Amino acid sequence: MFFAGLLISMFVLTVKLLQPVSIQMMINGQSIVFTEQPAFYGVGDVSLIIASAFASGVCLMFLLLGKDSQTTENGSKIKLADAILGVEDEDEKALVGIIVEVGGSMFQSDLVERSGFSKGKVSLILDRLEARGVIRRARSGMTNLITLVKNR
C-alpha cells in the first residue's frame, strides 16, 4: 500500500514539475518570433506538488525504516501483521509485537522485562497464545524460550 502511494505521488510530482513551457508566437511583419514564457504555478499546483512530495517522503521513509517485519537468524522474515493474525487481546498483541521485534524468539524472562507486565500476567498470556498455536515454549534452564510459530 505504501509502495503504491509512493509510486502515485512520485508520478503526480513528476508530471507537475515537467509540464511543458508555454510558448508565445509573435508575428512582426514578415518575421515570426517564438518566446518561451516562464512556468508559473498557481496555488493549487504548489499545494499538489507539496502534498505529493510529502506523501512520497512519508511512503519512502516507511518502506525504508518500517518495522513491519524482522529477519530471523536463518534469514526468513517475520511480519507483524501475520504474527498477530487471530490475536484479539491488546496485551497479547503487545507481547507478540515484542517477540517479532527481536526476531521471532526470546526468553520469557526477557519478555517480562521488556513488556513491563508481571511474571504471572506474561505466563497467562503465553498460555493462551500457546493454546491457539501462536507461540511455542521450550524449557531452557530456569526460563522458557518463546518462539513464534510461522505456519499456523
Protein backbone atom coordinates (compact mmCIF):
# COMPACT_ATOMS: atom_id res chain seq x y z
CA MET A 1 0.00 0.00 0.00
CA PHE A 2 2.81 2.39 0.88
CA PHE A 3 4.69 1.41 -2.26
CA ALA A 4 1.61 2.22 -4.37
CA GLY A 5 1.33 5.56 -2.56
CA LEU A 6 4.99 6.26 -3.30
CA LEU A 7 4.55 5.50 -6.99
CA ILE A 8 1.39 7.57 -7.36
CA SER A 9 2.78 10.60 -5.54
CA MET A 10 6.05 10.43 -7.47
CA PHE A 11 4.10 10.25 -10.75
CA VAL A 12 1.97 13.29 -9.84
CA LEU A 13 5.05 15.19 -8.72
CA THR A 14 6.93 14.39 -11.92
CA VAL A 15 4.00 15.34 -14.18
CA LYS A 16 3.51 18.66 -12.39
CA LEU A 17 7.20 19.59 -12.48
CA LEU A 18 7.73 18.57 -16.10
CA GLN A 19 4.75 20.34 -17.63
CA PRO A 20 5.59 21.87 -20.98
CA VAL A 21 6.62 25.50 -21.02
CA SER A 22 4.23 27.94 -22.66
CA ILE A 23 5.49 29.27 -25.98
CA GLN A 24 4.36 32.61 -27.33
CA MET A 25 4.40 33.19 -31.08
CA MET A 26 4.56 36.80 -32.26
CA ILE A 27 4.31 37.86 -35.89
CA ASN A 28 6.08 41.12 -36.75
CA GLY A 29 5.50 41.82 -40.41
CA GLN A 30 7.49 39.14 -42.24
CA SER A 31 9.20 37.58 -39.19
CA ILE A 32 7.87 35.19 -36.60
CA VAL A 33 9.34 35.34 -33.10
CA PHE A 34 8.96 32.48 -30.66
CA THR A 35 9.47 33.22 -26.98
CA GLU A 36 9.18 30.88 -24.02
CA GLN A 37 7.07 32.08 -21.15
CA PRO A 38 8.31 31.07 -17.72
CA ALA A 39 6.16 28.47 -15.99
CA PHE A 40 4.06 29.94 -13.24
CA TYR A 41 2.44 27.65 -10.74
CA GLY A 42 -0.82 28.57 -9.12
CA VAL A 43 -1.75 27.93 -5.50
CA GLY A 44 -3.41 24.65 -6.48
CA ASP A 45 -0.31 23.48 -8.35
CA VAL A 46 2.00 24.36 -5.46
CA SER A 47 -0.31 22.63 -2.98
CA LEU A 48 -0.38 19.49 -5.13
CA ILE A 49 3.41 19.50 -5.50
CA ILE A 50 3.94 19.92 -1.75
CA ALA A 51 1.39 17.20 -0.91
CA SER A 52 2.94 14.80 -3.42
CA ALA A 53 6.46 15.46 -2.15
CA PHE A 54 5.33 14.95 1.45
CA ALA A 55 3.41 11.75 0.63
CA SER A 56 6.32 10.31 -1.31
CA GLY A 57 8.71 11.16 1.53
CA VAL A 58 6.49 9.52 4.15
CA CYS A 59 5.99 6.41 2.00
CA LEU A 60 9.68 6.13 1.26
CA MET A 61 10.65 6.50 4.93
CA PHE A 62 8.08 3.88 5.93
CA LEU A 63 9.37 1.47 3.30
CA LEU A 64 12.99 2.00 4.28
CA LEU A 65 12.61 2.15 8.05
CA GLY A 66 9.34 0.29 8.60
CA LYS A 67 9.08 -2.21 11.44
CA ASP A 68 6.52 -4.43 9.73
CA SER A 69 8.93 -7.37 9.57
CA GLN A 70 12.09 -8.63 11.19
CA THR A 71 14.70 -11.05 9.89
CA THR A 72 15.43 -14.14 11.95
CA GLU A 73 18.79 -15.88 12.25
CA ASN A 74 18.05 -18.17 9.29
CA GLY A 75 17.16 -15.20 7.05
CA SER A 76 13.38 -15.66 6.95
CA LYS A 77 11.13 -12.66 7.54
CA ILE A 78 8.52 -12.45 10.26
CA LYS A 79 5.76 -9.96 9.53
CA LEU A 80 3.96 -8.40 12.47
CA ALA A 81 0.66 -8.47 10.58
CA ASP A 82 0.98 -12.23 10.04
CA ALA A 83 2.09 -12.87 13.62
CA ILE A 84 -0.88 -11.09 15.21
CA LEU A 85 -3.42 -12.65 12.84
CA GLY A 86 -6.15 -14.03 15.08
CA VAL A 87 -4.80 -12.30 18.19
CA GLU A 88 -7.52 -10.01 19.53
CA ASP A 89 -6.39 -9.01 23.01
CA GLU A 90 -4.20 -5.89 23.18
CA ASP A 91 -1.86 -7.42 25.77
CA GLU A 92 -1.38 -10.46 23.54
CA LYS A 93 -0.63 -8.19 20.57
CA ALA A 94 1.90 -6.30 22.66
CA LEU A 95 3.77 -9.48 23.60
CA VAL A 96 3.69 -10.84 20.04
CA GLY A 97 4.94 -7.46 18.80
CA ILE A 98 7.90 -7.60 21.17
CA ILE A 99 8.76 -11.12 20.04
CA VAL A 100 8.58 -10.06 16.37
CA GLU A 101 10.73 -7.01 17.14
CA VAL A 102 13.58 -9.17 18.45
CA GLY A 103 13.46 -11.61 15.54
CA GLY A 104 10.86 -14.23 16.44
CA SER A 105 12.20 -15.84 19.60
CA MET A 106 13.29 -14.72 23.04
CA PHE A 107 13.46 -15.87 26.64
CA GLN A 108 10.35 -15.49 28.76
CA SER A 109 12.31 -13.60 31.43
CA ASP A 110 13.41 -11.05 28.81
CA LEU A 111 9.82 -10.74 27.62
CA VAL A 112 8.68 -9.97 31.17
CA GLU A 113 11.38 -7.31 31.45
CA ARG A 114 10.64 -5.66 28.07
CA SER A 115 6.86 -5.73 28.39
CA GLY A 116 6.62 -4.30 31.89
CA PHE A 117 3.96 -6.90 32.75
CA SER A 118 4.23 -9.09 35.83
CA LYS A 119 5.60 -12.65 35.52
CA GLY A 120 2.16 -14.06 36.22
CA LYS A 121 0.43 -11.94 33.61
CA VAL A 122 3.02 -12.82 30.96
CA SER A 123 2.68 -16.50 31.83
CA LEU A 124 -1.13 -16.39 31.48
CA ILE A 125 -0.96 -14.54 28.16
CA LEU A 126 1.63 -17.01 26.85
CA ASP A 127 -0.61 -19.91 27.95
CA ARG A 128 -3.43 -18.52 25.78
CA LEU A 129 -1.11 -17.86 22.83
CA GLU A 130 0.39 -21.35 23.08
CA ALA A 131 -3.07 -22.95 23.26
CA ARG A 132 -4.02 -21.20 19.98
CA GLY A 133 -0.74 -22.19 18.32
CA VAL A 134 0.66 -18.66 18.01
CA ILE A 135 3.83 -19.40 20.01
CA ARG A 136 5.79 -22.40 21.22
CA ARG A 137 7.53 -22.59 24.60
CA ALA A 138 10.61 -24.73 25.21
CA ARG A 139 12.24 -25.08 28.61
CA SER A 140 15.72 -23.54 28.73
CA GLY A 141 17.37 -23.64 32.13
CA MET A 142 15.39 -21.56 34.60
CA THR A 143 13.25 -19.90 31.91
CA ASN A 144 11.40 -20.70 28.69
CA LEU A 145 12.41 -19.92 25.12
CA ILE A 146 9.40 -18.36 23.40
CA THR A 147 9.26 -18.84 19.61
CA LEU A 148 6.61 -17.62 17.18
CA VAL A 149 5.04 -20.39 15.12
CA LYS A 150 5.33 -19.33 11.49
CA ASN A 151 2.72 -21.53 9.80
CA ARG A 152 -0.47 -21.70 11.79
